[in-house]
Amino acid sequence: MNEFDFEGYTCPVPLRPNEAVILGHGSGGTLSRDLLRRLFLPELGQAAPRALDDSAVVEIDGQRFALTTDSHVVSPLFFPGGDIGRLAICGTVNDLAMVGAKPTALTCGFVLEEGLSFDVLQRVVASMQAAAEEAGVYIAAGDTKVVQKGGADRLFINTSGIGRIADGVNISGANAQEGDVVIVSGTIGDHGIAVLSAREDLGFETMLESDVAPLNHLVEAMLAVGEIHVLRDPTRGGLATSLVEISEQSNVTIEIEEETLPFKPAVRAACEMLGFDPLFVANEGKLVAFVKAGDAEKILDAMKKTKYGEESAIIGRVIGFGKSQVRMRTAIGGTRLVDMLPGEMLPRIC
């Protein structure tokens, strides 16, 4: 095919299969999904019917528990509003909360690069402890490995967690129902833009801070007043990717309203300058919820009374069953199809 021969292709040109891992496989978007379906799920996911939720649900002696694990890599290690330590604790706490569990205990594994200063490590560990205390969890076990200089980009952290799920709680990406109301817990894209602003090589500055926060207390407040079908924290791949994942798991059509999406002006400005779609920018302290229509206002009111839900907003509804699709009614009255992030937009932000 020469450079002018586009017969048989759509726009944009589809990504071609990769025979080696590339950065885009960690984006949380299309390439991440393809990696799961191509390699991991066929070999490792046979016994995991809910493998695409944020946490696995296991039953032991009649009691349900949520179990999750996550690895955290971010550059720089410290950014406005947070750091890799707070990110690691909050990320795992939130994954447990997204299936309605009450997080209890975490483990942490450190991969340290030779030459990492003790001062940096101390700051990270102290931040982890503070975040764990805020979430009401404790670190039950851990592990440390050291690799040669250049082998770990200073510091990687893995955290795993476990939490108990109360009777009657059944939250999964596969549970969205026609008529459900879609709520987000606050402004979108804060984390990704805050991390970008801390990278000296981009020549980009903003006063924006990351939203990284534990959301388990917010979820508890929501569960106390209404029926929740789906929860998801839109981290890698942003809100758009999370919505597409849910639409595929539940086989539903989701419609969101562009004018109701909450963005800080600094996020909008940065995305316009950098050419990013804010729907794909990562968050670390926000959730998207699909709730029973009759309970939506009660749940929204409860969210707004919490520390991390004050800017919650209804952004859309589930309008149909039997077709997996996400579409957005634009501010000018048109309709735009929303898909997953196709490649890598923001490297190493969570």
Protein backbone atom coordinates (compact mmCIF):
# COMPACT_ATOMS: atom_id res chain seq x y z
CA MET A 1 0.00 0.00 0.00
CA ASN A 2 1.41 3.41 -0.91
CA GLU A 3 0.84 6.45 1.26
CA PHE A 4 -2.24 7.51 -0.74
CA ASP A 5 -3.97 4.13 -0.94
CA PHE A 6 -6.51 3.97 1.91
CA GLU A 7 -8.97 1.52 0.32
CA GLY A 8 -10.46 -0.79 2.91
CA TYR A 9 -9.38 1.34 5.85
CA THR A 10 -11.42 3.50 8.16
CA CYS A 11 -10.36 6.77 9.71
CA PRO A 12 -8.39 6.69 11.91
CA VAL A 13 -6.37 3.82 10.50
CA PRO A 14 -6.80 0.80 12.81
CA LEU A 15 -3.92 -0.21 15.03
CA ARG A 16 -2.12 -3.25 13.71
CA PRO A 17 -1.31 -6.29 15.87
CA ASN A 18 1.86 -5.97 17.93
CA GLU A 19 4.28 -8.83 18.43
CA ALA A 20 5.97 -7.18 21.40
CA VAL A 21 4.83 -5.13 24.36
CA ILE A 22 4.69 -1.37 23.78
CA LEU A 23 3.85 1.49 26.14
CA GLY A 24 0.30 1.61 24.84
CA HIS A 25 -0.38 -1.79 26.37
CA GLY A 26 -0.36 -0.05 29.75
CA SER A 27 -2.74 2.75 28.73
CA GLY A 28 -5.90 1.12 30.06
CA GLY A 29 -7.49 1.48 26.61
CA THR A 30 -7.85 -0.65 23.49
CA LEU A 31 -4.33 -2.09 23.59
CA SER A 32 -4.67 -3.04 27.26
CA ARG A 33 -7.96 -4.79 26.52
CA ASP A 34 -6.40 -6.62 23.58
CA LEU A 35 -3.50 -7.77 25.73
CA LEU A 36 -5.90 -9.17 28.32
CA ARG A 37 -7.99 -10.98 25.73
CA ARG A 38 -5.05 -12.25 23.73
CA LEU A 39 -2.75 -13.50 26.48
CA PHE A 40 -3.90 -13.21 30.08
CA LEU A 41 -7.56 -14.16 30.14
CA PRO A 42 -7.20 -17.34 28.02
CA GLU A 43 -4.46 -18.64 30.33
CA LEU A 44 -5.22 -17.12 33.72
CA GLY A 45 -8.85 -16.02 33.66
CA GLN A 46 -10.70 -19.31 33.31
CA ALA A 47 -11.88 -19.33 36.92
CA ALA A 48 -12.59 -15.59 37.08
CA PRO A 49 -16.15 -14.85 35.85
CA ARG A 50 -15.78 -11.21 36.95
CA ALA A 51 -12.24 -10.77 35.71
CA LEU A 52 -12.96 -7.35 34.21
CA ASP A 53 -14.20 -5.72 37.43
CA ASP A 54 -11.84 -3.66 39.57
CA SER A 55 -11.67 -6.44 42.17
CA ALA A 56 -12.34 -10.16 42.21
CA VAL A 57 -15.12 -11.43 44.47
CA VAL A 58 -14.39 -14.68 46.31
CA GLU A 59 -16.59 -16.59 48.71
CA ILE A 60 -15.15 -18.24 51.84
CA ASP A 61 -17.45 -20.15 54.21
CA GLY A 62 -20.47 -18.24 52.95
CA GLN A 63 -18.88 -14.81 53.33
CA ARG A 64 -17.94 -12.74 50.27
CA PHE A 65 -14.64 -10.92 50.07
CA ALA A 66 -13.12 -8.63 47.46
CA LEU A 67 -9.52 -9.20 46.44
CA THR A 68 -7.38 -6.97 44.24
CA THR A 69 -3.79 -6.17 43.30
CA ASP A 70 -2.22 -3.27 41.45
CA SER A 71 1.24 -2.08 40.46
CA HIS A 72 2.04 1.62 40.49
CA VAL A 73 4.52 3.48 38.32
CA VAL A 74 4.51 7.24 38.00
CA SER A 75 6.96 9.88 36.86
CA PRO A 76 7.72 12.04 38.73
CA LEU A 77 7.36 10.25 42.07
CA PHE A 78 5.98 13.43 43.66
CA PHE A 79 3.42 15.61 41.91
CA PRO A 80 0.98 18.37 42.92
CA GLY A 81 -1.48 16.88 45.38
CA GLY A 82 0.13 13.49 45.80
CA ASP A 83 2.93 11.00 45.25
CA ILE A 84 3.45 7.37 44.32
CA GLY A 85 2.87 6.24 47.92
CA ARG A 86 -0.55 7.87 48.32
CA LEU A 87 -1.39 6.72 44.80
CA ALA A 88 -0.61 3.09 45.68
CA ILE A 89 -2.76 3.01 48.81
CA CYS A 90 -5.71 4.92 47.35
CA GLY A 91 -5.67 2.94 44.12
CA THR A 92 -6.07 -0.38 45.91
CA VAL A 93 -8.58 0.92 48.45
CA ASN A 94 -10.67 2.29 45.59
CA ASP A 95 -10.56 -0.93 43.59
CA LEU A 96 -12.00 -2.77 46.59
CA ALA A 97 -14.65 -0.11 47.10
CA MET A 98 -15.73 -0.34 43.45
CA VAL A 99 -17.34 -3.73 44.12
CA GLY A 100 -18.96 -2.45 47.31
CA ALA A 101 -16.42 -3.94 49.70
CA LYS A 102 -15.25 -2.40 52.94
CA PRO A 103 -11.43 -2.40 52.60
CA THR A 104 -9.65 -3.98 55.55
CA ALA A 105 -5.99 -4.84 54.95
CA LEU A 106 -3.36 -4.23 52.29
CA THR A 107 0.02 -5.63 51.35
CA CYS A 108 2.79 -3.65 49.70
CA GLY A 109 5.77 -4.69 47.61
CA PHE A 110 8.60 -2.29 46.78
CA VAL A 111 10.98 -2.54 43.82
CA LEU A 112 13.78 -0.11 44.65
CA GLU A 113 16.40 1.06 42.21
CA GLU A 114 19.96 1.15 43.45
CA GLY A 115 20.81 4.75 44.37
CA LEU A 116 17.32 5.77 45.54
CA SER A 117 17.79 8.12 48.47
CA PHE A 118 16.49 7.17 51.91
CA ASP A 119 14.91 10.63 52.18
CA VAL A 120 12.75 9.96 49.13
CA LEU A 121 11.79 6.50 50.37
CA GLN A 122 10.93 7.86 53.82
CA ARG A 123 8.62 10.49 52.31
CA VAL A 124 6.85 7.84 50.24
CA VAL A 125 6.39 5.45 53.17
CA ALA A 126 5.08 8.25 55.40
CA SER A 127 2.60 9.23 52.72
CA MET A 128 1.42 5.63 52.45
CA GLN A 129 0.81 5.47 56.18
CA ALA A 130 -1.16 8.71 56.15
CA ALA A 131 -3.33 7.52 53.25
CA ALA A 132 -3.95 4.15 54.93
CA GLU A 133 -4.99 5.92 58.12
CA GLU A 134 -7.39 8.16 56.21
CA ALA A 135 -8.95 5.15 54.49
CA GLY A 136 -9.16 3.16 57.73
CA VAL A 137 -7.01 0.25 56.52
CA TYR A 138 -3.70 -1.19 57.66
CA ILE A 139 -0.63 -2.66 55.94
CA ALA A 140 -0.58 -6.33 56.90
CA ALA A 141 2.45 -7.58 54.96
CA GLY A 142 5.12 -6.43 52.54
CA ASP A 143 8.18 -7.24 50.49
CA THR A 144 11.23 -5.37 49.19
CA LYS A 145 13.45 -6.02 46.19
CA VAL A 146 16.41 -3.96 44.96
CA VAL A 147 17.45 -3.86 41.31
CA GLN A 148 20.52 -2.42 39.66
CA LYS A 149 20.64 1.25 38.70
CA GLY A 150 18.48 1.88 35.66
CA GLY A 151 16.28 -1.16 36.30
CA ALA A 152 13.20 0.41 37.93
CA ASP A 153 12.93 4.15 37.26
CA ARG A 154 13.76 4.76 40.96
CA LEU A 155 10.73 3.10 42.57
CA PHE A 156 7.82 0.81 41.72
CA ILE A 157 5.15 -0.21 44.26
CA ASN A 158 2.70 -3.10 44.17
CA THR A 159 -0.23 -3.14 46.57
CA SER A 160 -2.83 -5.83 47.14
CA GLY A 161 -5.91 -5.59 49.30
CA ILE A 162 -8.84 -7.46 50.77
CA GLY A 163 -12.23 -6.28 51.98
CA ARG A 164 -15.54 -7.70 53.11
CA ILE A 165 -18.74 -7.37 51.07
CA ALA A 166 -21.96 -6.98 53.02
CA ASP A 167 -24.97 -9.16 52.32
CA GLY A 168 -27.24 -7.72 49.66
CA VAL A 169 -24.50 -5.74 47.91
CA ASN A 170 -24.04 -6.81 44.28
CA ILE A 171 -21.98 -4.33 42.28
CA SER A 172 -20.33 -5.21 38.98
CA GLY A 173 -19.65 -3.74 35.58
CA ALA A 174 -22.02 -6.38 34.23
CA ASN A 175 -24.99 -5.11 36.28
CA ALA A 176 -25.97 -1.90 34.46
CA GLN A 177 -29.69 -1.82 33.71
CA GLU A 178 -31.81 0.10 31.27
CA GLY A 179 -32.93 3.32 32.93
CA ASP A 180 -29.96 3.56 35.28
CA VAL A 181 -28.70 7.07 36.02
CA VAL A 182 -24.97 7.73 35.56
CA ILE A 183 -23.22 9.88 38.18
CA VAL A 184 -19.62 11.04 38.48
CA SER A 185 -18.25 12.11 41.85
CA GLY A 186 -16.48 15.26 40.68
CA THR A 187 -14.32 16.99 38.12
CA ILE A 188 -12.63 14.80 35.52
CA GLY A 189 -8.98 14.67 34.44
CA ASP A 190 -7.38 16.42 37.42
CA HIS A 191 -4.82 13.70 38.13
CA GLY A 192 -3.47 13.30 34.62
CA ILE A 193 -3.00 17.02 34.07
CA ALA A 194 -1.44 17.53 37.53
CA VAL A 195 1.15 14.83 36.78
CA LEU A 196 1.88 16.37 33.39
CA SER A 197 2.40 19.77 34.99
CA ALA A 198 5.14 18.29 37.20
CA ARG A 199 7.22 17.12 34.24
CA GLU A 200 9.88 19.71 33.60
CA ASP A 201 10.46 18.65 30.00
CA LEU A 202 6.93 19.63 28.94
CA GLY A 203 7.25 23.33 29.77
CA PHE A 204 3.73 23.24 31.13
CA GLU A 205 2.58 24.67 34.47
CA THR A 206 -0.72 24.83 36.34
CA MET A 207 -1.91 25.24 39.92
CA LEU A 208 -4.06 22.14 39.51
CA GLU A 209 -3.58 19.31 42.03
CA SER A 210 -4.14 15.60 41.61
CA ASP A 211 -7.44 14.25 42.91
CA VAL A 212 -5.81 11.10 44.37
CA ALA A 213 -7.96 10.08 47.36
CA PRO A 214 -9.55 7.07 49.06
CA LEU A 215 -13.19 6.71 48.04
CA ASN A 216 -14.36 3.94 50.37
CA HIS A 217 -16.13 6.31 52.77
CA LEU A 218 -17.91 7.96 49.83
CA VAL A 219 -19.11 4.54 48.63
CA GLU A 220 -20.35 3.68 52.13
CA ALA A 221 -22.44 6.86 52.16
CA MET A 222 -23.91 5.98 48.76
CA LEU A 223 -24.77 2.41 49.74
CA ALA A 224 -26.56 3.65 52.84
CA VAL A 225 -29.24 5.50 50.84
CA GLY A 226 -29.82 3.72 47.53
CA GLU A 227 -29.35 0.89 45.06
CA ILE A 228 -26.07 0.89 43.15
CA HIS A 229 -25.56 -1.43 40.19
CA VAL A 230 -22.10 -0.42 38.91
CA LEU A 231 -19.10 1.45 40.30
CA ARG A 232 -15.84 2.15 38.50
CA ASP A 233 -12.91 4.46 39.19
CA PRO A 234 -11.90 5.88 35.81
CA THR A 235 -8.13 5.71 36.12
CA ARG A 236 -6.03 4.73 33.09
CA GLY A 237 -7.96 5.51 29.92
CA GLY A 238 -10.18 8.00 31.74
CA LEU A 239 -13.95 8.24 31.91
CA ALA A 240 -14.46 7.27 28.27
CA THR A 241 -12.68 3.95 28.61
CA SER A 242 -14.54 3.09 31.82
CA LEU A 243 -17.90 3.77 30.21
CA VAL A 244 -17.05 1.65 27.19
CA GLU A 245 -15.92 -1.21 29.43
CA ILE A 246 -19.20 -1.07 31.36
CA SER A 247 -21.28 -0.91 28.18
CA GLU A 248 -19.51 -4.03 26.91
CA GLN A 249 -19.81 -5.94 30.19
CA SER A 250 -23.53 -5.14 30.53
CA ASN A 251 -24.37 -5.02 26.80
CA VAL A 252 -26.11 -1.66 27.15
CA THR A 253 -26.22 1.67 25.36
CA ILE A 254 -25.10 4.60 27.49
CA GLU A 255 -25.80 8.22 26.65
CA ILE A 256 -24.00 11.07 28.40
CA GLU A 257 -24.50 14.82 28.10
CA GLU A 258 -21.42 16.89 27.25
CA GLU A 259 -22.76 19.99 28.99
CA THR A 260 -23.10 18.14 32.32
CA LEU A 261 -19.53 16.79 32.40
CA PRO A 262 -17.61 18.54 35.20
CA PHE A 263 -14.15 19.82 34.23
CA LYS A 264 -11.94 22.35 35.94
CA PRO A 265 -11.03 25.25 33.61
CA ALA A 266 -7.33 24.34 33.99
CA VAL A 267 -8.01 20.84 32.68
CA ARG A 268 -9.93 22.14 29.68
CA ALA A 269 -7.19 24.67 28.91
CA ALA A 270 -4.39 22.12 29.23
CA CYS A 271 -6.18 19.60 27.03
CA GLU A 272 -6.83 22.21 24.36
CA MET A 273 -3.18 23.26 24.42
CA LEU A 274 -1.82 19.70 24.32
CA GLY A 275 -4.40 18.26 21.94
CA PHE A 276 -5.87 15.80 24.46
CA ASP A 277 -9.46 14.70 24.87
CA PRO A 278 -10.22 15.18 28.60
CA LEU A 279 -12.51 12.13 28.52
CA PHE A 280 -9.38 9.99 28.24
CA VAL A 281 -7.34 11.70 30.97
CA ALA A 282 -6.76 9.63 34.12
CA ASN A 283 -8.38 10.21 37.50
CA GLU A 284 -7.34 8.79 40.87
CA GLY A 285 -9.98 10.15 43.22
CA LYS A 286 -13.19 9.97 41.23
CA LEU A 287 -15.79 7.30 40.57
CA VAL A 288 -18.58 6.76 38.08
CA ALA A 289 -21.75 5.11 39.38
CA PHE A 290 -24.75 3.51 37.67
CA VAL A 291 -27.65 3.71 40.09
CA LYS A 292 -31.35 2.87 40.16
CA ALA A 293 -33.23 5.79 38.65
CA GLY A 294 -35.56 6.20 41.60
CA ASP A 295 -32.63 6.47 44.02
CA ALA A 296 -30.45 8.81 41.93
CA GLU A 297 -31.32 12.06 43.68
CA LYS A 298 -30.90 10.53 47.16
CA ILE A 299 -27.54 9.09 46.22
CA LEU A 300 -26.40 12.34 44.60
CA ASP A 301 -27.39 14.28 47.72
CA ALA A 302 -25.47 11.85 49.94
CA MET A 303 -22.41 12.14 47.72
CA LYS A 304 -22.42 15.92 47.85
CA LYS A 305 -22.26 15.80 51.65
CA THR A 306 -18.95 13.88 51.65
CA LYS A 307 -15.40 15.21 51.40
CA TYR A 308 -14.70 13.66 48.00
CA GLY A 309 -18.16 13.95 46.47
CA GLU A 310 -18.99 17.65 46.81
CA GLU A 311 -18.87 18.23 43.04
CA SER A 312 -20.82 15.12 42.04
CA ALA A 313 -23.05 15.41 38.99
CA ILE A 314 -25.50 13.37 36.94
CA ILE A 315 -24.01 13.01 33.46
CA GLY A 316 -26.25 10.53 31.64
CA ARG A 317 -28.40 7.40 31.55
CA VAL A 318 -28.54 3.86 30.25
CA ILE A 319 -31.00 4.16 27.37
CA GLY A 320 -31.07 0.66 25.94
CA PHE A 321 -30.18 -3.00 26.33
CA GLY A 322 -28.79 -5.38 23.72
CA LYS A 323 -26.28 -3.07 22.02
CA SER A 324 -22.95 -2.09 23.51
CA GLN A 325 -22.39 1.57 22.75
CA VAL A 326 -21.49 4.84 24.44
CA ARG A 327 -22.59 8.07 22.84
CA MET A 328 -22.43 11.68 23.91
CA ARG A 329 -24.92 14.42 23.11
CA THR A 330 -22.70 17.37 22.33
CA ALA A 331 -23.16 20.97 23.40
CA ILE A 332 -24.19 21.92 19.85
CA GLY A 333 -26.93 19.28 19.69
CA GLY A 334 -25.13 16.52 17.79
CA THR A 335 -24.19 13.01 18.85
CA ARG A 336 -20.67 11.64 19.13
CA LEU A 337 -19.72 8.01 19.60
CA VAL A 338 -17.31 7.51 22.51
CA ASP A 339 -14.71 4.75 22.27
CA MET A 340 -11.72 3.54 24.24
CA LEU A 341 -8.35 5.25 24.17
CA PRO A 342 -6.67 3.60 21.15
CA GLY A 343 -3.06 3.94 22.28
CA GLU A 344 -0.85 5.73 24.79
CA MET A 345 -1.66 9.36 25.56
CA LEU A 346 -0.19 9.97 29.02
CA PRO A 347 2.67 7.61 29.94
CA ARG A 348 3.24 6.50 33.51
CA ILE A 349 0.66 8.48 35.47
CA CYS A 350 -0.79 5.77 37.70
